[in-house]
N, C-alpha and C. Protein backbone atom coordinates (compact mmCIF):
# COMPACT_ATOMS: atom_id res chain seq x y z
N MET A 1 -31.71 -49.74 -62.91
CA MET A 1 -31.91 -49.20 -61.59
C MET A 1 -32.53 -50.28 -60.69
N GLN A 2 -32.13 -50.32 -59.45
CA GLN A 2 -32.62 -51.33 -58.52
C GLN A 2 -34.11 -51.17 -58.25
N LYS A 3 -34.80 -52.29 -58.02
CA LYS A 3 -36.23 -52.28 -57.78
C LYS A 3 -36.58 -51.46 -56.54
N TRP A 4 -35.83 -51.61 -55.46
CA TRP A 4 -36.15 -50.90 -54.23
C TRP A 4 -36.10 -49.39 -54.45
N PHE A 5 -35.19 -48.94 -55.31
CA PHE A 5 -35.09 -47.50 -55.55
C PHE A 5 -36.26 -47.01 -56.40
N ARG A 6 -36.71 -47.82 -57.35
CA ARG A 6 -37.86 -47.44 -58.18
C ARG A 6 -39.14 -47.39 -57.35
N ASP A 7 -39.21 -48.18 -56.29
CA ASP A 7 -40.41 -48.22 -55.46
C ASP A 7 -40.53 -47.04 -54.51
N ILE A 8 -39.49 -46.25 -54.39
CA ILE A 8 -39.52 -45.09 -53.50
C ILE A 8 -40.33 -43.98 -54.17
N ASP A 9 -41.25 -43.44 -53.42
CA ASP A 9 -42.11 -42.37 -53.91
C ASP A 9 -41.26 -41.16 -54.32
N PRO A 10 -41.59 -40.51 -55.43
CA PRO A 10 -40.82 -39.33 -55.87
C PRO A 10 -40.76 -38.21 -54.83
N THR A 11 -41.82 -38.07 -54.04
CA THR A 11 -41.81 -37.04 -52.99
C THR A 11 -40.79 -37.38 -51.92
N VAL A 12 -40.67 -38.66 -51.57
CA VAL A 12 -39.67 -39.09 -50.59
C VAL A 12 -38.27 -38.77 -51.12
N LYS A 13 -38.03 -39.07 -52.37
CA LYS A 13 -36.72 -38.77 -52.97
C LYS A 13 -36.44 -37.27 -52.94
N LYS A 14 -37.44 -36.48 -53.36
CA LYS A 14 -37.28 -35.02 -53.43
C LYS A 14 -37.00 -34.42 -52.05
N GLU A 15 -37.82 -34.79 -51.08
CA GLU A 15 -37.66 -34.22 -49.73
C GLU A 15 -36.38 -34.70 -49.07
N SER A 16 -36.01 -35.95 -49.30
CA SER A 16 -34.76 -36.47 -48.73
C SER A 16 -33.56 -35.76 -49.34
N LEU A 17 -33.63 -35.49 -50.63
CA LEU A 17 -32.56 -34.76 -51.29
C LEU A 17 -32.47 -33.33 -50.75
N TYR A 18 -33.61 -32.70 -50.52
CA TYR A 18 -33.63 -31.36 -49.92
C TYR A 18 -32.97 -31.37 -48.55
N ILE A 19 -33.35 -32.33 -47.71
CA ILE A 19 -32.78 -32.43 -46.36
C ILE A 19 -31.27 -32.67 -46.45
N ALA A 20 -30.84 -33.54 -47.33
CA ALA A 20 -29.41 -33.81 -47.49
C ALA A 20 -28.67 -32.57 -47.96
N ALA A 21 -29.27 -31.81 -48.88
CA ALA A 21 -28.62 -30.60 -49.39
C ALA A 21 -28.48 -29.54 -48.30
N VAL A 22 -29.55 -29.31 -47.56
CA VAL A 22 -29.49 -28.31 -46.47
C VAL A 22 -28.52 -28.77 -45.39
N THR A 23 -28.52 -30.06 -45.09
CA THR A 23 -27.58 -30.60 -44.11
C THR A 23 -26.15 -30.38 -44.58
N GLY A 24 -25.91 -30.58 -45.86
CA GLY A 24 -24.57 -30.34 -46.42
C GLY A 24 -24.17 -28.87 -46.32
N ILE A 25 -25.08 -27.98 -46.64
CA ILE A 25 -24.79 -26.54 -46.57
C ILE A 25 -24.52 -26.12 -45.13
N LEU A 26 -25.37 -26.56 -44.22
CA LEU A 26 -25.17 -26.22 -42.81
C LEU A 26 -23.89 -26.85 -42.26
N SER A 27 -23.51 -27.99 -42.79
CA SER A 27 -22.26 -28.62 -42.39
C SER A 27 -21.06 -27.76 -42.78
N LEU A 28 -21.16 -27.11 -43.94
CA LEU A 28 -20.09 -26.20 -44.35
C LEU A 28 -19.97 -25.04 -43.37
N PHE A 29 -21.11 -24.51 -42.94
CA PHE A 29 -21.10 -23.44 -41.94
C PHE A 29 -20.51 -23.93 -40.62
N LEU A 30 -20.83 -25.16 -40.25
CA LEU A 30 -20.26 -25.74 -39.02
C LEU A 30 -18.75 -25.83 -39.12
N GLN A 31 -18.26 -26.31 -40.25
CA GLN A 31 -16.81 -26.40 -40.45
C GLN A 31 -16.17 -25.01 -40.37
N ALA A 32 -16.82 -24.04 -41.00
CA ALA A 32 -16.30 -22.67 -40.97
C ALA A 32 -16.28 -22.13 -39.54
N GLY A 33 -17.32 -22.44 -38.78
CA GLY A 33 -17.37 -21.98 -37.40
C GLY A 33 -16.22 -22.54 -36.56
N PHE A 34 -15.95 -23.82 -36.72
CA PHE A 34 -14.83 -24.42 -36.00
C PHE A 34 -13.50 -23.83 -36.47
N LEU A 35 -13.42 -23.55 -37.76
CA LEU A 35 -12.19 -22.98 -38.31
C LEU A 35 -11.97 -21.56 -37.77
N ILE A 36 -13.02 -20.76 -37.77
CA ILE A 36 -12.92 -19.38 -37.27
C ILE A 36 -12.59 -19.38 -35.78
N ALA A 37 -13.17 -20.32 -35.03
CA ALA A 37 -12.90 -20.42 -33.59
C ALA A 37 -11.55 -21.06 -33.29
N ARG A 38 -10.85 -21.46 -34.36
CA ARG A 38 -9.54 -22.10 -34.25
C ARG A 38 -9.56 -23.40 -33.45
N HIS A 39 -10.65 -24.14 -33.63
CA HIS A 39 -10.77 -25.45 -33.00
C HIS A 39 -10.92 -26.55 -34.03
N TRP A 40 -10.63 -26.23 -35.29
CA TRP A 40 -10.82 -27.21 -36.35
C TRP A 40 -9.65 -28.18 -36.39
N ASP A 41 -9.95 -29.45 -36.55
CA ASP A 41 -8.98 -30.49 -36.87
C ASP A 41 -9.73 -31.60 -37.59
N HIS A 42 -9.05 -32.66 -37.91
CA HIS A 42 -9.69 -33.72 -38.68
C HIS A 42 -10.86 -34.38 -37.94
N THR A 43 -10.85 -34.34 -36.62
CA THR A 43 -11.93 -34.94 -35.85
C THR A 43 -13.24 -34.18 -36.06
N VAL A 44 -13.15 -32.88 -36.32
CA VAL A 44 -14.34 -32.08 -36.60
C VAL A 44 -14.94 -32.52 -37.93
N LEU A 45 -14.09 -32.69 -38.92
CA LEU A 45 -14.57 -33.14 -40.23
C LEU A 45 -15.21 -34.53 -40.14
N LEU A 46 -14.54 -35.45 -39.48
CA LEU A 46 -15.08 -36.81 -39.35
C LEU A 46 -16.38 -36.82 -38.54
N GLY A 47 -16.40 -36.05 -37.46
CA GLY A 47 -17.61 -35.96 -36.65
C GLY A 47 -18.77 -35.36 -37.41
N ASN A 48 -18.48 -34.31 -38.17
CA ASN A 48 -19.51 -33.66 -38.98
C ASN A 48 -20.06 -34.63 -40.03
N LEU A 49 -19.17 -35.38 -40.65
CA LEU A 49 -19.62 -36.37 -41.65
C LEU A 49 -20.51 -37.44 -41.00
N LEU A 50 -20.10 -37.94 -39.86
CA LEU A 50 -20.90 -38.95 -39.17
C LEU A 50 -22.26 -38.40 -38.79
N GLY A 51 -22.29 -37.22 -38.21
CA GLY A 51 -23.55 -36.61 -37.79
C GLY A 51 -24.45 -36.27 -38.96
N ALA A 52 -23.88 -35.73 -40.03
CA ALA A 52 -24.68 -35.34 -41.19
C ALA A 52 -25.27 -36.54 -41.91
N VAL A 53 -24.48 -37.58 -42.07
CA VAL A 53 -24.98 -38.80 -42.72
C VAL A 53 -26.08 -39.43 -41.86
N THR A 54 -25.87 -39.43 -40.56
CA THR A 54 -26.88 -39.97 -39.66
C THR A 54 -28.16 -39.16 -39.72
N ALA A 55 -28.04 -37.84 -39.73
CA ALA A 55 -29.22 -36.96 -39.75
C ALA A 55 -30.01 -37.14 -41.05
N ALA A 56 -29.31 -37.09 -42.18
CA ALA A 56 -29.99 -37.24 -43.47
C ALA A 56 -30.55 -38.66 -43.61
N GLY A 57 -29.80 -39.65 -43.16
CA GLY A 57 -30.27 -41.03 -43.21
C GLY A 57 -31.49 -41.25 -42.33
N ASN A 58 -31.51 -40.62 -41.18
CA ASN A 58 -32.64 -40.71 -40.27
C ASN A 58 -33.90 -40.16 -40.94
N PHE A 59 -33.77 -39.02 -41.60
CA PHE A 59 -34.92 -38.43 -42.29
C PHE A 59 -35.40 -39.36 -43.41
N PHE A 60 -34.46 -39.90 -44.18
CA PHE A 60 -34.82 -40.80 -45.27
C PHE A 60 -35.55 -42.03 -44.75
N LEU A 61 -35.04 -42.62 -43.67
CA LEU A 61 -35.70 -43.80 -43.08
C LEU A 61 -37.11 -43.46 -42.57
N MET A 62 -37.26 -42.26 -42.00
CA MET A 62 -38.57 -41.83 -41.54
C MET A 62 -39.53 -41.69 -42.73
N ALA A 63 -39.04 -41.10 -43.81
CA ALA A 63 -39.89 -40.90 -44.99
C ALA A 63 -40.30 -42.24 -45.61
N ILE A 64 -39.38 -43.18 -45.65
CA ILE A 64 -39.70 -44.52 -46.17
C ILE A 64 -40.75 -45.18 -45.29
N THR A 65 -40.61 -45.02 -43.98
CA THR A 65 -41.57 -45.61 -43.05
C THR A 65 -42.96 -45.00 -43.25
N VAL A 66 -43.02 -43.69 -43.42
CA VAL A 66 -44.31 -43.03 -43.67
C VAL A 66 -44.91 -43.55 -44.98
N GLN A 67 -44.08 -43.70 -45.99
CA GLN A 67 -44.55 -44.23 -47.28
C GLN A 67 -45.18 -45.61 -47.10
N LYS A 68 -44.54 -46.44 -46.30
CA LYS A 68 -45.08 -47.79 -46.05
C LYS A 68 -46.33 -47.74 -45.16
N ALA A 69 -46.33 -46.84 -44.19
CA ALA A 69 -47.43 -46.78 -43.23
C ALA A 69 -48.74 -46.35 -43.87
N VAL A 70 -48.69 -45.48 -44.88
CA VAL A 70 -49.93 -44.99 -45.47
C VAL A 70 -50.69 -46.08 -46.23
N THR A 71 -50.03 -47.18 -46.52
CA THR A 71 -50.69 -48.27 -47.23
C THR A 71 -51.28 -49.31 -46.27
N ARG A 72 -51.13 -49.09 -44.98
CA ARG A 72 -51.60 -50.06 -43.98
C ARG A 72 -52.83 -49.55 -43.24
N GLU A 73 -53.43 -50.46 -42.52
CA GLU A 73 -54.54 -50.09 -41.64
C GLU A 73 -54.00 -49.24 -40.49
N LYS A 74 -54.90 -48.59 -39.77
CA LYS A 74 -54.50 -47.62 -38.75
C LYS A 74 -53.59 -48.21 -37.66
N LYS A 75 -53.97 -49.31 -37.05
CA LYS A 75 -53.18 -49.89 -35.95
C LYS A 75 -51.81 -50.38 -36.42
N PRO A 76 -51.73 -51.19 -37.50
CA PRO A 76 -50.39 -51.61 -37.96
C PRO A 76 -49.53 -50.42 -38.41
N ALA A 77 -50.16 -49.41 -38.98
CA ALA A 77 -49.40 -48.22 -39.39
C ALA A 77 -48.84 -47.49 -38.18
N ALA A 78 -49.65 -47.33 -37.15
CA ALA A 78 -49.20 -46.67 -35.93
C ALA A 78 -48.08 -47.47 -35.26
N ASP A 79 -48.22 -48.79 -35.24
CA ASP A 79 -47.18 -49.64 -34.66
C ASP A 79 -45.87 -49.51 -35.43
N LEU A 80 -45.99 -49.50 -36.75
CA LEU A 80 -44.79 -49.34 -37.59
C LEU A 80 -44.11 -48.01 -37.32
N MET A 81 -44.89 -46.94 -37.22
CA MET A 81 -44.32 -45.62 -36.98
C MET A 81 -43.64 -45.55 -35.60
N LYS A 82 -44.27 -46.12 -34.59
CA LYS A 82 -43.69 -46.12 -33.25
C LYS A 82 -42.38 -46.91 -33.22
N PHE A 83 -42.38 -48.08 -33.83
CA PHE A 83 -41.17 -48.90 -33.88
C PHE A 83 -40.05 -48.16 -34.62
N SER A 84 -40.39 -47.58 -35.76
CA SER A 84 -39.40 -46.84 -36.54
C SER A 84 -38.82 -45.68 -35.74
N GLN A 85 -39.70 -44.93 -35.07
CA GLN A 85 -39.22 -43.80 -34.28
C GLN A 85 -38.28 -44.25 -33.17
N THR A 86 -38.62 -45.32 -32.52
CA THR A 86 -37.78 -45.85 -31.44
C THR A 86 -36.41 -46.27 -31.97
N MET A 87 -36.40 -47.01 -33.07
CA MET A 87 -35.14 -47.50 -33.64
C MET A 87 -34.28 -46.35 -34.18
N ARG A 88 -34.92 -45.36 -34.80
CA ARG A 88 -34.15 -44.23 -35.33
C ARG A 88 -33.58 -43.37 -34.20
N LEU A 89 -34.34 -43.21 -33.12
CA LEU A 89 -33.83 -42.48 -31.96
C LEU A 89 -32.68 -43.23 -31.33
N LEU A 90 -32.80 -44.55 -31.22
CA LEU A 90 -31.72 -45.37 -30.69
C LEU A 90 -30.46 -45.22 -31.54
N MET A 91 -30.64 -45.23 -32.87
CA MET A 91 -29.51 -45.04 -33.78
C MET A 91 -28.82 -43.71 -33.52
N GLN A 92 -29.60 -42.66 -33.33
CA GLN A 92 -29.00 -41.34 -33.08
C GLN A 92 -28.28 -41.29 -31.74
N VAL A 93 -28.83 -41.94 -30.74
CA VAL A 93 -28.17 -41.98 -29.43
C VAL A 93 -26.84 -42.73 -29.53
N VAL A 94 -26.85 -43.86 -30.23
CA VAL A 94 -25.62 -44.64 -30.40
C VAL A 94 -24.57 -43.81 -31.14
N VAL A 95 -24.98 -43.13 -32.19
CA VAL A 95 -24.04 -42.29 -32.95
C VAL A 95 -23.50 -41.16 -32.07
N ALA A 96 -24.36 -40.53 -31.30
CA ALA A 96 -23.91 -39.45 -30.42
C ALA A 96 -22.91 -39.96 -29.39
N VAL A 97 -23.20 -41.11 -28.80
CA VAL A 97 -22.27 -41.68 -27.80
C VAL A 97 -20.94 -42.02 -28.46
N LEU A 98 -20.99 -42.64 -29.64
CA LEU A 98 -19.75 -42.95 -30.36
C LEU A 98 -18.96 -41.68 -30.67
N GLY A 99 -19.69 -40.61 -30.99
CA GLY A 99 -19.03 -39.34 -31.28
C GLY A 99 -18.21 -38.81 -30.11
N PHE A 100 -18.68 -39.06 -28.90
CA PHE A 100 -17.95 -38.58 -27.73
C PHE A 100 -16.94 -39.60 -27.21
N VAL A 101 -17.19 -40.88 -27.45
CA VAL A 101 -16.32 -41.93 -26.91
C VAL A 101 -15.10 -42.18 -27.80
N LEU A 102 -15.31 -42.22 -29.10
CA LEU A 102 -14.19 -42.51 -30.01
C LEU A 102 -13.38 -41.25 -30.26
N PRO A 103 -12.07 -41.33 -30.09
CA PRO A 103 -11.23 -40.13 -30.23
C PRO A 103 -11.11 -39.61 -31.67
N CYS A 104 -11.55 -40.38 -32.65
CA CYS A 104 -11.45 -39.92 -34.03
C CYS A 104 -12.56 -38.95 -34.39
N PHE A 105 -13.52 -38.74 -33.49
CA PHE A 105 -14.63 -37.81 -33.75
C PHE A 105 -14.65 -36.70 -32.72
N ASN A 106 -15.03 -35.50 -33.17
CA ASN A 106 -15.34 -34.42 -32.25
C ASN A 106 -16.82 -34.58 -31.90
N GLY A 107 -17.11 -34.79 -30.65
CA GLY A 107 -18.48 -35.07 -30.22
C GLY A 107 -19.47 -33.98 -30.58
N TYR A 108 -19.06 -32.73 -30.44
CA TYR A 108 -19.96 -31.63 -30.77
C TYR A 108 -20.24 -31.58 -32.27
N ALA A 109 -19.22 -31.90 -33.05
CA ALA A 109 -19.40 -31.92 -34.51
C ALA A 109 -20.28 -33.09 -34.95
N VAL A 110 -20.44 -34.08 -34.10
CA VAL A 110 -21.35 -35.19 -34.39
C VAL A 110 -22.78 -34.79 -34.03
N ILE A 111 -22.95 -34.19 -32.87
CA ILE A 111 -24.29 -33.89 -32.37
C ILE A 111 -24.97 -32.74 -33.11
N ILE A 112 -24.25 -31.68 -33.39
CA ILE A 112 -24.87 -30.50 -34.00
C ILE A 112 -25.59 -30.83 -35.31
N PRO A 113 -25.00 -31.60 -36.23
CA PRO A 113 -25.72 -31.90 -37.47
C PRO A 113 -27.00 -32.71 -37.29
N LEU A 114 -27.16 -33.35 -36.16
CA LEU A 114 -28.39 -34.10 -35.93
C LEU A 114 -29.61 -33.18 -35.87
N PHE A 115 -29.38 -31.88 -35.66
CA PHE A 115 -30.46 -30.90 -35.62
C PHE A 115 -30.69 -30.23 -36.98
N PHE A 116 -29.82 -30.45 -37.93
CA PHE A 116 -29.94 -29.80 -39.23
C PHE A 116 -31.24 -30.11 -39.97
N PRO A 117 -31.73 -31.36 -39.95
CA PRO A 117 -33.02 -31.59 -40.63
C PRO A 117 -34.16 -30.78 -40.04
N ARG A 118 -34.14 -30.57 -38.74
CA ARG A 118 -35.19 -29.73 -38.12
C ARG A 118 -35.11 -28.30 -38.65
N ILE A 119 -33.89 -27.80 -38.76
CA ILE A 119 -33.71 -26.45 -39.30
C ILE A 119 -34.18 -26.41 -40.75
N ALA A 120 -33.85 -27.44 -41.52
CA ALA A 120 -34.27 -27.50 -42.92
C ALA A 120 -35.79 -27.48 -43.03
N VAL A 121 -36.46 -28.23 -42.17
CA VAL A 121 -37.92 -28.26 -42.19
C VAL A 121 -38.49 -26.90 -41.81
N MET A 122 -37.86 -26.22 -40.85
CA MET A 122 -38.34 -24.91 -40.40
C MET A 122 -38.19 -23.84 -41.48
N ILE A 123 -37.11 -23.89 -42.26
CA ILE A 123 -36.90 -22.84 -43.26
C ILE A 123 -37.60 -23.15 -44.59
N ARG A 124 -38.09 -24.36 -44.77
CA ARG A 124 -38.73 -24.74 -46.03
C ARG A 124 -39.88 -23.82 -46.43
N PRO A 125 -40.78 -23.46 -45.51
CA PRO A 125 -41.89 -22.57 -45.92
C PRO A 125 -41.39 -21.22 -46.46
N PHE A 126 -40.31 -20.70 -45.89
CA PHE A 126 -39.78 -19.42 -46.37
C PHE A 126 -39.20 -19.56 -47.77
N LEU A 127 -38.54 -20.68 -48.03
CA LEU A 127 -38.00 -20.93 -49.35
C LEU A 127 -39.11 -21.13 -50.38
N ASP A 128 -40.18 -21.80 -49.98
CA ASP A 128 -41.30 -22.02 -50.88
C ASP A 128 -42.02 -20.71 -51.19
N LYS A 129 -42.10 -19.79 -50.22
CA LYS A 129 -42.72 -18.49 -50.44
C LYS A 129 -41.94 -17.69 -51.49
N LYS A 130 -40.61 -17.77 -51.41
CA LYS A 130 -39.78 -17.02 -52.35
C LYS A 130 -39.95 -17.56 -53.78
N LYS A 131 -40.22 -18.85 -53.92
CA LYS A 131 -40.43 -19.43 -55.24
C LYS A 131 -41.72 -18.93 -55.89
N GLN A 132 -42.72 -18.63 -55.04
CA GLN A 132 -44.02 -18.20 -55.56
C GLN A 132 -44.03 -16.74 -55.77
């Protein structure tokens, strides 16, 4: 196994996997919604894939940044977090613009999955309550 992967905190792996799983499940609902509305085509699938990978990747990058920030002093940690947030937001904006500009993607199918990690975070407490 690669060194960089071994250095990732188990909590980061677990939470990133959770976000990816919920994003995948919600992506299936998104595909079904487009299908039911009779607006489904290959651009919806490609857009959904782009948005979902970006959303899950964004969460993973944030988690890695937090992992690195906790080992630093307050000011360098804050600077790292601000820089990471700016770059990740820029990445999402670029992906959203590409989703609407490139004809191979359905723009709405790109943008909607970018909100899936927020939904996953919101429903997590309810899922944890059911486990207990």
